[in-house]
Amino acid sequence: SSSTIAIMINDAIIIGGGVIGLSVLRSALLAGYTAVLIERNADLCDGASGRNSGVLCTGVDAPSGSLERALIRDSISRVREFCGEHNVPMRECGSLVCLWPWDEDEDEDEKKSEWKFDVDENSSSSRARLMRVLHESHVAGDKDATFLDSEEVAALEPSLSSKCRGAVHIPGETVVDPWLFCLALAVHSREMAEHHGTESNIIRTGKEVVMESSSFDANKGVWNVAIRGTPPTPNNNDADGVDGTTTISARCIINAAGIDSDIVQLSASFASRNTVCKLAPPTFEAHPRRGQYKIFAAPTEGGGAFVDYNGVDSEWPRVPRTVPARPIQPVPSQFTKGIFVYSTLYNQIVVGPTAQDQSSRADDTLDPNVAQVLTSHASRVLGPEFNDSDVLGEYVGIRPGTSERDYQIHLHCSTNFITVGGIRSTGLTASLGIGRHVVQCLLPAVVPHARRDLGGESSSMMCSPPTPLPNVKELVDQYHARGDGKVVVGGHAYRVTHPLTRLGWGARTGLAA
């Protein structure tokens, strides 16, 4: 009944329906908590999570000792199991950090580098720069990372230009379909909620949290969160008022609002200003950083030749020799990993992202000058056989940088508020680790007793394995048959929001063939 819904107190309300919010939701349900996720957009993953690269990194460019690196390492240790259980396609191919003639910089800073390596004193600075990457990879935990000379690179990646001076092979990096990864989180969360007979509408899209109209009851330790949305429907049990708002109660707010996580916390601090316990304003400010991508069709030359990308048989289709099987990246700087060139699971060539700071949190318009830079970069990396005229699409993602070189994940015990902010371009990679960290390390401090204890990752739904996603070909057929940009999984319709998935499914290439 409406009165029952009105008085129900959830353990957590999660703000934000991107990959981080979905991972936190799934982790909370796995641990036996009750939770509701609120997403203001009409569809899940329609922000930064729908505009990322789909490349899972190993954290080599994250600061040593940082929370970011720790959560990345935790996440990638479990990603194979997750993808296997949920039938999320992945290519465990590793990556190549390559050095090119145009990247070499023989300045005095390089020659006087404080890094010490087991290399000859007469070794070129180019090799020294790659040895630095190798050293950092080993420190980050990639013990199998190796140095490759130019001939070894050419043998491993025949699609690359012959101008590569050498590379570091990092075997732990992986290419996934980023939208299917998120879909698996959402489908599993809904399946667990239905299995346990808890809140039926745990994911609510097209609804906006109005913190200015929300309040925190310090005596009861409960947030009453105002939600503005659409009137009730048969699939939406919210008891909306005449002004189009409703109130949801929870013992904790988990702020996973991405680029707006600082704004949400600031608004929540005003909402709690008249209580005994006031939430502090955020100690960080999101700095929008835009990353532009360009997608090309793979060259058709090469016939049926394929490249072996992992040395073992794989259930996923092989990669044509005309495209890079592994992400090709430059030597990373302190601020960015640089522009990648790689192929998706649908054998389409992606170039990006760029990294440009901007003031707007929403401006994702394409810059033609940047597009030309991306084309030029791909032409240099892939050489003369690359056809830069067969452009399939372009997109821009806006990710939240901050002045801090680490994730901004903070627990505010006195107000039962958790902020998960400052999650930069490594969010997809670290998502499983972030979800587990928030639920296992932070949430119990303010909501100490979950209704059920499911024991962890392997005992989800009381030892019942999750229902895997349909195979990609079934989803692609459904996508084309429906014609509305959506697929139905587990009784719920999901719009395909990621350009890489849409373009691959639309072309029916690679895994979608």
Protein backbone atom coordinates (compact mmCIF):
# COMPACT_ATOMS: atom_id res chain seq x y z
CA SER A 1 0.00 0.00 0.00
CA SER A 2 1.01 3.63 -0.34
CA SER A 3 1.22 4.00 3.43
CA THR A 4 3.57 1.02 3.65
CA ILE A 5 5.86 2.49 1.02
CA ALA A 6 5.83 5.88 2.71
CA ILE A 7 7.11 4.52 6.05
CA MET A 8 9.64 2.07 4.64
CA ILE A 9 13.17 3.00 5.63
CA ASN A 10 15.86 1.72 3.29
CA ASP A 11 19.39 1.15 4.45
CA ALA A 12 20.79 3.35 1.68
CA ILE A 13 19.79 5.70 -1.10
CA ILE A 14 22.34 5.82 -3.90
CA ILE A 15 22.43 8.96 -6.03
CA GLY A 16 23.71 8.34 -9.54
CA GLY A 17 23.02 5.61 -12.09
CA GLY A 18 26.45 5.29 -13.67
CA VAL A 19 28.82 2.36 -13.31
CA ILE A 20 29.88 3.48 -9.79
CA GLY A 21 26.35 3.86 -8.47
CA LEU A 22 25.33 0.52 -9.98
CA SER A 23 28.37 -1.22 -8.52
CA VAL A 24 27.62 0.20 -5.07
CA LEU A 25 23.98 -0.89 -5.40
CA ARG A 26 24.96 -4.43 -6.35
CA SER A 27 27.52 -4.65 -3.54
CA ALA A 28 24.98 -3.39 -1.02
CA LEU A 29 22.44 -6.00 -2.07
CA LEU A 30 25.09 -8.71 -2.01
CA ALA A 31 25.84 -7.76 1.59
CA GLY A 32 22.15 -7.92 2.55
CA TYR A 33 21.37 -4.22 2.73
CA THR A 34 18.23 -2.67 1.28
CA ALA A 35 18.96 0.11 -1.18
CA VAL A 36 17.36 2.30 -3.83
CA LEU A 37 19.23 3.95 -6.70
CA ILE A 38 18.06 7.30 -8.10
CA GLU A 39 19.15 8.50 -11.55
CA ARG A 40 17.97 11.85 -12.90
CA ASN A 41 18.40 10.91 -16.57
CA ALA A 42 15.81 8.79 -18.31
CA ASP A 43 18.35 6.00 -18.85
CA LEU A 44 21.15 4.43 -16.85
CA CYS A 45 24.75 5.19 -17.80
CA ASP A 46 23.89 8.22 -19.90
CA GLY A 47 26.74 10.35 -18.55
CA ALA A 48 30.45 9.64 -18.19
CA SER A 49 29.77 5.88 -17.91
CA GLY A 50 28.22 5.99 -21.36
CA ARG A 51 31.17 7.83 -22.89
CA ASN A 52 34.26 6.00 -21.65
CA SER A 53 36.79 3.86 -23.51
CA GLY A 54 35.85 0.34 -22.41
CA VAL A 55 39.50 -0.36 -21.55
CA LEU A 56 40.23 -1.75 -18.08
CA CYS A 57 43.67 -0.61 -16.94
CA THR A 58 45.87 -1.94 -14.15
CA GLY A 59 46.57 1.32 -12.31
CA VAL A 60 50.11 1.97 -13.45
CA ASP A 61 49.43 5.72 -13.74
CA ALA A 62 47.61 5.97 -10.38
CA PRO A 63 49.80 7.38 -7.59
CA SER A 64 51.63 4.75 -5.57
CA GLY A 65 49.90 4.20 -2.23
CA SER A 66 46.70 5.88 -3.38
CA LEU A 67 43.20 4.61 -2.73
CA GLU A 68 42.67 4.69 -6.49
CA ARG A 69 45.45 2.20 -7.15
CA ALA A 70 44.30 -0.07 -4.33
CA LEU A 71 40.72 -0.18 -5.61
CA ILE A 72 41.84 -0.72 -9.20
CA ARG A 73 43.95 -3.69 -8.13
CA ASP A 74 41.08 -5.13 -6.10
CA SER A 75 38.69 -4.66 -9.00
CA ILE A 76 40.82 -6.23 -11.72
CA SER A 77 41.48 -9.24 -9.51
CA ARG A 78 37.75 -10.01 -9.72
CA VAL A 79 36.79 -8.80 -13.17
CA ARG A 80 37.36 -12.16 -14.90
CA GLU A 81 35.04 -13.92 -12.45
CA PHE A 82 32.44 -11.17 -12.79
CA CYS A 83 32.48 -11.22 -16.58
CA GLY A 84 32.38 -15.01 -16.65
CA GLU A 85 29.41 -15.26 -14.29
CA HIS A 86 27.43 -12.56 -16.09
CA ASN A 87 28.42 -13.42 -19.68
CA VAL A 88 30.03 -10.01 -20.23
CA PRO A 89 32.41 -10.28 -23.22
CA MET A 90 36.02 -9.33 -22.59
CA ARG A 91 39.36 -9.48 -24.41
CA GLU A 92 42.23 -10.18 -22.03
CA CYS A 93 44.82 -8.83 -24.39
CA GLY A 94 47.09 -6.57 -22.34
CA SER A 95 48.28 -3.24 -23.71
CA LEU A 96 51.41 -1.75 -25.22
CA VAL A 97 52.86 1.48 -23.90
CA CYS A 98 54.74 2.58 -27.00
CA LEU A 99 57.38 5.20 -27.60
CA TRP A 100 57.35 7.00 -30.95
CA PRO A 101 59.81 9.39 -32.58
CA TRP A 102 57.43 12.31 -32.01
CA ASP A 103 57.28 11.52 -28.29
CA GLU A 104 60.99 11.60 -27.68
CA ASP A 105 62.23 14.52 -25.64
CA GLU A 106 65.97 14.74 -25.11
CA ASP A 107 65.81 17.60 -22.61
CA GLU A 108 67.98 17.99 -19.58
CA ASP A 109 65.21 16.91 -17.20
CA GLU A 110 65.09 13.52 -18.88
CA LYS A 111 68.85 13.13 -18.88
CA LYS A 112 69.00 14.05 -15.19
CA SER A 113 66.10 11.82 -14.23
CA GLU A 114 66.16 10.67 -10.62
CA TRP A 115 64.95 7.23 -11.67
CA LYS A 116 67.58 4.51 -11.51
CA PHE A 117 67.28 1.45 -13.73
CA ASP A 118 69.40 -1.49 -14.67
CA VAL A 119 70.31 -0.04 -18.08
CA ASP A 120 73.53 0.96 -19.71
CA GLU A 121 74.67 4.55 -19.07
CA ASN A 122 74.78 5.10 -22.83
CA SER A 123 71.20 3.89 -23.22
CA SER A 124 68.94 6.35 -25.05
CA SER A 125 66.45 8.40 -23.09
CA SER A 126 63.70 6.64 -25.02
CA ARG A 127 64.63 3.31 -23.43
CA ALA A 128 64.98 5.02 -20.05
CA ARG A 129 61.43 6.38 -20.35
CA LEU A 130 60.09 2.93 -21.12
CA MET A 131 62.09 1.45 -18.25
CA ARG A 132 60.36 3.97 -16.01
CA VAL A 133 57.00 2.66 -17.18
CA LEU A 134 58.19 -0.90 -16.65
CA HIS A 135 59.35 -0.07 -13.14
CA GLU A 136 56.03 1.58 -12.28
CA SER A 137 54.14 -1.39 -13.70
CA HIS A 138 56.06 -3.76 -11.45
CA VAL A 139 55.43 -1.49 -8.44
CA ALA A 140 51.71 -1.42 -9.29
CA GLY A 141 51.61 -5.23 -9.25
CA ASP A 142 52.06 -6.08 -12.93
CA LYS A 143 54.99 -8.40 -12.35
CA ASP A 144 54.65 -9.92 -15.82
CA ALA A 145 55.09 -6.60 -17.64
CA THR A 146 58.03 -6.77 -20.06
CA PHE A 147 60.08 -4.54 -22.33
CA LEU A 148 59.80 -5.14 -26.08
CA ASP A 149 62.11 -3.80 -28.73
CA SER A 150 60.81 -2.53 -32.06
CA GLU A 151 61.09 -5.91 -33.78
CA GLU A 152 59.15 -7.65 -31.02
CA VAL A 153 56.46 -4.98 -31.20
CA ALA A 154 56.13 -5.48 -34.96
CA ALA A 155 55.73 -9.21 -34.52
CA LEU A 156 53.12 -8.78 -31.81
CA GLU A 157 51.13 -6.00 -33.51
CA PRO A 158 51.49 -6.18 -37.33
CA SER A 159 48.97 -3.34 -37.82
CA LEU A 160 51.28 -0.73 -36.25
CA SER A 161 53.57 1.68 -38.01
CA SER A 162 57.19 0.54 -38.23
CA LYS A 163 58.29 3.74 -36.49
CA CYS A 164 57.64 2.41 -32.99
CA ARG A 165 60.91 2.60 -30.99
CA GLY A 166 59.90 0.01 -28.40
CA ALA A 167 57.16 -0.69 -25.88
CA VAL A 168 56.25 -2.07 -22.49
CA HIS A 169 53.75 -4.90 -22.65
CA ILE A 170 51.32 -4.80 -19.69
CA PRO A 171 49.46 -8.12 -19.89
CA GLY A 172 46.77 -7.38 -17.29
CA GLU A 173 44.79 -4.80 -19.26
CA THR A 174 41.48 -5.79 -20.80
CA VAL A 175 38.95 -4.56 -23.36
CA VAL A 176 35.25 -4.99 -22.51
CA ASP A 177 31.92 -3.81 -23.84
CA PRO A 178 31.42 -0.98 -21.30
CA TRP A 179 27.64 -0.88 -21.69
CA LEU A 180 27.18 -4.62 -21.18
CA PHE A 181 29.39 -4.38 -18.08
CA CYS A 182 26.99 -1.81 -16.61
CA LEU A 183 23.95 -3.75 -17.79
CA ALA A 184 25.14 -6.80 -15.87
CA LEU A 185 25.34 -4.74 -12.66
CA ALA A 186 21.81 -3.44 -13.12
CA VAL A 187 20.29 -6.80 -14.09
CA HIS A 188 21.93 -8.59 -11.18
CA SER A 189 20.77 -5.92 -8.72
CA ARG A 190 17.17 -6.20 -9.85
CA GLU A 191 17.35 -9.98 -9.80
CA MET A 192 18.58 -9.99 -6.20
CA ALA A 193 15.85 -7.57 -5.11
CA GLU A 194 13.17 -9.73 -6.70
CA HIS A 195 14.69 -12.88 -5.21
CA HIS A 196 14.62 -11.44 -1.69
CA GLY A 197 11.17 -9.86 -2.05
CA THR A 198 12.46 -6.42 -1.06
CA GLU A 199 11.83 -3.06 -2.75
CA SER A 200 10.60 -3.91 -6.24
CA ASN A 201 11.59 -0.61 -7.79
CA ILE A 202 15.19 -0.39 -6.65
CA ILE A 203 16.38 1.47 -9.76
CA ARG A 204 14.46 4.64 -10.51
CA THR A 205 15.41 6.60 -13.58
CA GLY A 206 14.06 9.96 -14.69
CA LYS A 207 13.93 11.12 -11.06
CA GLU A 208 15.97 13.86 -9.47
CA VAL A 209 17.01 14.15 -5.84
CA VAL A 210 16.06 17.56 -4.44
CA MET A 211 18.47 17.99 -1.55
CA GLU A 212 17.15 21.48 -0.77
CA SER A 213 13.83 19.89 0.21
CA SER A 214 15.39 16.92 2.01
CA SER A 215 16.20 16.64 5.71
CA PHE A 216 18.24 14.58 8.14
CA ASP A 217 16.73 13.44 11.45
CA ALA A 218 19.76 13.21 13.72
CA ASN A 219 17.79 11.54 16.53
CA LYS A 220 16.60 8.68 14.35
CA GLY A 221 19.62 8.69 12.06
CA VAL A 222 17.39 8.83 8.99
CA TRP A 223 17.46 10.91 5.83
CA ASN A 224 14.12 11.92 4.30
CA VAL A 225 15.05 12.55 0.69
CA ALA A 226 12.79 14.49 -1.65
CA ILE A 227 12.53 13.02 -5.14
CA ARG A 228 11.07 14.91 -8.06
CA GLY A 229 9.71 12.74 -10.83
CA THR A 230 6.84 11.51 -12.89
CA PRO A 231 3.40 10.43 -11.57
CA PRO A 232 2.96 6.80 -10.48
CA THR A 233 2.62 4.12 -13.15
CA PRO A 234 2.06 0.34 -12.90
CA ASN A 235 5.87 -0.05 -12.91
CA ASN A 236 6.54 2.85 -10.54
CA ASN A 237 5.28 2.58 -6.96
CA ASP A 238 6.41 6.01 -5.83
CA ALA A 239 3.66 7.84 -3.93
CA ASP A 240 4.16 11.14 -5.73
CA GLY A 241 2.45 14.19 -4.32
CA VAL A 242 0.46 16.75 -6.24
CA ASP A 243 3.64 18.78 -6.79
CA GLY A 244 5.31 15.83 -8.49
CA THR A 245 7.58 14.98 -5.55
CA THR A 246 7.78 12.11 -3.13
CA THR A 247 9.93 11.30 -0.11
CA ILE A 248 12.12 8.27 0.32
CA SER A 249 13.65 7.49 3.71
CA ALA A 250 17.00 5.85 4.26
CA ARG A 251 19.59 5.47 6.98
CA CYS A 252 22.39 6.58 4.68
CA ILE A 253 22.91 8.58 1.50
CA ILE A 254 25.62 7.35 -0.86
CA ASN A 255 26.49 10.17 -3.24
CA ALA A 256 27.77 8.68 -6.51
CA ALA A 257 26.66 11.58 -8.68
CA GLY A 258 29.81 11.68 -10.80
CA ILE A 259 30.67 15.13 -12.12
CA ASP A 260 28.09 16.64 -9.73
CA SER A 261 29.11 14.78 -6.57
CA ASP A 262 30.54 17.96 -5.04
CA ILE A 263 27.33 19.87 -5.80
CA VAL A 264 25.19 17.13 -4.25
CA GLN A 265 27.24 17.18 -1.04
CA LEU A 266 27.11 20.97 -0.91
CA SER A 267 23.32 20.88 -1.27
CA ALA A 268 23.09 18.19 1.41
CA SER A 269 25.14 20.34 3.77
CA PHE A 270 22.52 23.07 3.43
CA ALA A 271 19.74 20.53 3.95
CA SER A 272 21.28 19.51 7.30
CA ARG A 273 22.18 23.02 8.46
CA ASN A 274 19.37 23.20 11.03
CA THR A 275 20.13 19.85 12.65
CA VAL A 276 22.37 19.07 15.57
CA CYS A 277 24.72 17.27 13.22
CA LYS A 278 25.54 19.27 10.12
CA LEU A 279 27.14 17.76 7.05
CA ALA A 280 30.36 19.50 6.10
CA PRO A 281 30.63 20.96 2.61
CA PRO A 282 32.88 19.08 0.17
CA THR A 283 36.62 19.50 0.48
CA PHE A 284 37.06 19.10 -3.27
CA GLU A 285 35.68 20.66 -6.42
CA ALA A 286 35.05 18.77 -9.62
CA HIS A 287 37.07 20.02 -12.57
CA PRO A 288 35.38 18.85 -15.76
CA ARG A 289 37.77 17.24 -18.19
CA ARG A 290 36.55 16.38 -21.67
CA GLY A 291 37.78 13.41 -23.62
CA GLN A 292 36.98 13.21 -27.32
CA TYR A 293 36.96 9.96 -29.28
CA LYS A 294 36.78 9.03 -32.95
CA ILE A 295 35.80 5.62 -34.32
CA PHE A 296 36.88 4.18 -37.67
CA ALA A 297 35.95 1.05 -39.59
CA ALA A 298 38.66 -1.58 -39.75
CA PRO A 299 40.59 -1.91 -43.02
CA THR A 300 39.27 -4.78 -45.10
CA GLU A 301 42.66 -5.81 -46.49
CA GLY A 302 44.28 -8.85 -44.98
CA GLY A 303 41.68 -11.43 -45.88
CA GLY A 304 41.05 -13.93 -43.12
CA ALA A 305 44.33 -13.32 -41.28
CA PHE A 306 44.03 -12.94 -37.51
CA VAL A 307 46.40 -12.04 -34.70
CA ASP A 308 46.76 -14.11 -31.53
CA TYR A 309 46.38 -11.63 -28.68
CA ASN A 310 46.79 -13.81 -25.60
CA GLY A 311 48.56 -16.96 -26.64
CA VAL A 312 45.65 -19.21 -25.72
CA ASP A 313 42.38 -20.27 -27.25
CA SER A 314 39.57 -17.83 -26.54
CA GLU A 315 35.81 -18.15 -26.69
CA TRP A 316 35.63 -14.66 -28.16
CA PRO A 317 36.25 -13.95 -31.87
CA ARG A 318 39.83 -13.35 -32.95
CA VAL A 319 41.10 -9.95 -33.98
CA PRO A 320 41.94 -9.20 -37.64
CA ARG A 321 45.57 -8.37 -38.36
CA THR A 322 44.44 -5.04 -39.81
CA VAL A 323 43.55 -3.61 -36.39
CA PRO A 324 45.53 -3.43 -33.13
CA ALA A 325 44.58 -6.34 -30.87
CA ARG A 326 45.87 -4.46 -27.82
CA PRO A 327 45.34 -0.86 -26.72
CA ILE A 328 48.29 1.19 -27.97
CA GLN A 329 49.08 4.01 -25.59
CA PRO A 330 51.87 6.55 -25.21
CA VAL A 331 54.07 6.97 -22.18
CA PRO A 332 51.67 8.48 -19.59
CA SER A 333 52.26 11.88 -18.04
CA GLN A 334 51.47 13.01 -14.51
CA PHE A 335 48.06 14.22 -15.64
CA THR A 336 46.88 11.90 -18.42
CA LYS A 337 47.41 8.48 -19.94
CA GLY A 338 47.39 10.09 -23.38
CA ILE A 339 45.57 9.16 -26.57
CA PHE A 340 44.92 5.44 -27.09
CA VAL A 341 44.51 3.60 -30.38
CA TYR A 342 42.70 0.29 -29.97
CA SER A 343 39.99 -1.95 -31.37
CA THR A 344 36.66 -2.69 -29.73
CA LEU A 345 35.17 -6.13 -29.38
CA TYR A 346 33.38 -5.29 -32.60
CA ASN A 347 36.69 -4.82 -34.46
CA GLN A 348 36.27 -1.08 -34.90
CA ILE A 349 39.24 1.24 -34.38
CA VAL A 350 38.94 3.81 -31.60
CA VAL A 351 41.23 6.81 -31.13
CA GLY A 352 41.02 8.73 -27.88
CA PRO A 353 40.50 10.13 -25.40
CA THR A 354 41.96 13.58 -25.38
CA ALA A 355 42.19 15.40 -22.04
CA GLN A 356 41.10 19.02 -22.00
CA ASP A 357 39.93 20.95 -18.96
CA GLN A 358 36.80 23.03 -19.36
CA SER A 359 34.46 25.01 -17.13
CA SER A 360 31.19 23.48 -18.33
CA ARG A 361 30.02 20.25 -16.75
CA ALA A 362 27.69 19.50 -19.64
CA ASP A 363 29.29 20.74 -22.88
CA ASP A 364 29.97 17.62 -24.92
CA THR A 365 29.97 19.19 -28.36
CA LEU A 366 32.49 17.83 -30.83
CA ASP A 367 35.53 19.97 -31.61
CA PRO A 368 36.54 19.60 -35.29
CA ASN A 369 40.10 20.66 -34.53
CA VAL A 370 40.44 17.94 -31.92
CA ALA A 371 38.89 15.46 -34.35
CA GLN A 372 41.67 16.26 -36.81
CA VAL A 373 44.28 15.72 -34.11
CA LEU A 374 42.80 12.29 -33.42
CA THR A 375 42.83 11.38 -37.09
CA SER A 376 46.46 12.48 -37.43
CA HIS A 377 47.44 10.50 -34.36
CA ALA A 378 45.80 7.33 -35.68
CA SER A 379 47.48 7.79 -39.05
CA ARG A 380 50.90 8.06 -37.45
CA VAL A 381 50.38 5.08 -35.13
CA LEU A 382 48.83 2.76 -37.72
CA GLY A 383 50.85 3.84 -40.72
CA PRO A 384 49.97 4.18 -44.41
CA GLU A 385 47.50 1.28 -44.54
CA PHE A 386 45.11 3.10 -42.21
CA ASN A 387 42.08 4.57 -43.98
CA ASP A 388 41.19 7.79 -42.18
CA SER A 389 38.15 8.47 -44.36
CA ASP A 390 35.96 5.62 -43.09
CA VAL A 391 34.68 7.38 -39.96
CA LEU A 392 31.87 5.60 -38.11
CA GLY A 393 31.26 8.06 -35.29
CA GLU A 394 32.58 10.45 -32.66
CA TYR A 395 31.71 11.26 -29.08
CA VAL A 396 32.84 13.28 -26.07
CA GLY A 397 32.89 12.11 -22.47
CA ILE A 398 33.18 14.47 -19.50
CA ARG A 399 34.89 13.01 -16.47
CA PRO A 400 35.44 14.63 -13.06
CA GLY A 401 38.97 15.63 -12.34
CA THR A 402 39.86 17.39 -9.09
CA SER A 403 42.82 19.23 -7.65
CA GLU A 404 43.65 16.03 -5.76
CA ARG A 405 45.43 13.08 -7.37
CA ASP A 406 43.21 10.49 -5.74
CA TYR A 407 39.60 9.44 -5.43
CA GLN A 408 37.53 11.57 -3.05
CA ILE A 409 35.65 8.87 -1.14
CA HIS A 410 34.63 10.20 2.26
CA LEU A 411 32.44 8.96 5.11
CA HIS A 412 30.63 11.54 7.27
CA CYS A 413 29.58 9.48 10.28
CA SER A 414 27.60 12.16 12.13
CA THR A 415 25.25 12.66 9.19
CA ASN A 416 25.23 9.16 7.65
CA PHE A 417 26.52 10.48 4.34
CA ILE A 418 29.07 8.91 2.00
CA THR A 419 30.52 10.76 -0.98
CA VAL A 420 32.10 8.80 -3.81
CA GLY A 421 33.64 11.60 -5.87
CA GLY A 422 36.66 12.49 -7.93
CA ILE A 423 36.40 9.23 -9.86
CA ARG A 424 38.35 10.07 -12.97
CA SER A 425 38.85 8.01 -16.14
CA THR A 426 39.59 4.82 -14.18
CA GLY A 427 36.02 4.54 -12.88
CA LEU A 428 35.00 1.58 -15.04
CA THR A 429 38.21 -0.25 -14.13
CA ALA A 430 37.84 0.34 -10.38
CA SER A 431 34.05 0.02 -10.17
CA LEU A 432 33.93 -3.43 -8.58
CA GLY A 433 36.54 -2.40 -6.03
CA ILE A 434 34.81 0.90 -5.27
CA GLY A 435 31.48 -0.83 -4.69
CA ARG A 436 33.01 -3.34 -2.30
CA HIS A 437 35.05 -0.68 -0.47
CA VAL A 438 32.03 1.55 0.13
CA VAL A 439 29.81 -1.30 1.33
CA GLN A 440 32.32 -3.30 3.36
CA CYS A 441 34.45 -0.51 4.84
CA LEU A 442 32.23 2.58 5.09
CA LEU A 443 28.53 1.69 5.14
CA PRO A 444 28.73 -0.56 8.25
CA ALA A 445 29.94 2.45 10.27
CA VAL A 446 26.53 4.11 9.91
CA VAL A 447 24.28 1.13 9.12
CA PRO A 448 25.94 -1.61 11.16
CA HIS A 449 23.51 -4.50 10.65
CA ALA A 450 22.41 -5.70 7.24
CA ARG A 451 19.15 -7.64 7.16
CA ARG A 452 20.95 -10.63 5.65
CA ASP A 453 24.58 -11.66 5.49
CA LEU A 454 25.24 -13.20 2.10
CA GLY A 455 28.91 -13.70 2.78
CA GLY A 456 30.44 -11.99 -0.22
CA GLU A 457 30.92 -12.19 -3.94
CA SER A 458 30.73 -15.96 -4.41
CA SER A 459 27.58 -16.44 -2.33
CA SER A 460 25.32 -13.95 -4.08
CA MET A 461 21.60 -14.55 -3.70
CA MET A 462 22.26 -17.16 -1.01
CA CYS A 463 24.51 -19.27 -3.24
CA SER A 464 22.24 -18.99 -6.29
CA PRO A 465 24.38 -17.93 -9.24
CA PRO A 466 23.28 -14.84 -11.16
CA THR A 467 21.43 -15.33 -14.40
CA PRO A 468 23.97 -14.52 -17.14
CA LEU A 469 23.16 -11.96 -19.80
CA PRO A 470 21.89 -13.26 -23.13
CA ASN A 471 24.67 -13.74 -25.64
CA VAL A 472 25.60 -10.75 -27.75
CA LYS A 473 24.10 -12.09 -30.96
CA GLU A 474 20.70 -12.49 -29.28
CA LEU A 475 20.88 -8.94 -27.96
CA VAL A 476 21.94 -7.59 -31.35
CA ASP A 477 19.06 -9.35 -33.09
CA GLN A 478 16.64 -7.93 -30.53
CA TYR A 479 18.19 -4.47 -30.86
CA HIS A 480 17.62 -4.46 -34.61
CA ALA A 481 14.16 -6.01 -34.37
CA ARG A 482 12.88 -3.47 -31.84
CA GLY A 483 14.27 -0.45 -33.63
CA ASP A 484 13.93 1.82 -30.59
CA GLY A 485 17.52 1.63 -29.36
CA LYS A 486 16.61 -0.67 -26.46
CA VAL A 487 16.84 -4.30 -25.42
CA VAL A 488 14.80 -6.12 -22.80
CA VAL A 489 16.66 -8.19 -20.21
CA GLY A 490 15.02 -9.69 -17.13
CA GLY A 491 11.73 -8.01 -17.93
CA HIS A 492 13.19 -4.48 -18.00
CA ALA A 493 13.96 -2.38 -21.07
CA TYR A 494 17.36 -0.73 -21.24
CA ARG A 495 18.45 1.86 -23.77
CA VAL A 496 21.88 1.24 -25.29
CA THR A 497 23.56 4.49 -24.28
CA HIS A 498 27.20 3.83 -25.15
CA PRO A 499 28.34 4.81 -28.70
CA LEU A 500 30.82 1.93 -28.89
CA THR A 501 28.07 -0.61 -28.30
CA ARG A 502 25.60 1.12 -30.62
CA LEU A 503 28.11 1.38 -33.46
CA GLY A 504 29.26 -2.22 -33.09
CA TRP A 505 25.75 -3.58 -32.91
CA GLY A 506 24.61 -1.38 -35.76
CA ALA A 507 27.40 -2.58 -38.05
CA ARG A 508 27.16 -6.24 -36.93
CA THR A 509 30.92 -6.63 -36.97
CA GLY A 510 33.31 -8.51 -34.71
CA LEU A 511 31.47 -10.03 -31.76
CA ALA A 512 28.14 -8.79 -33.20
CA ALA A 513 28.66 -10.45 -36.60
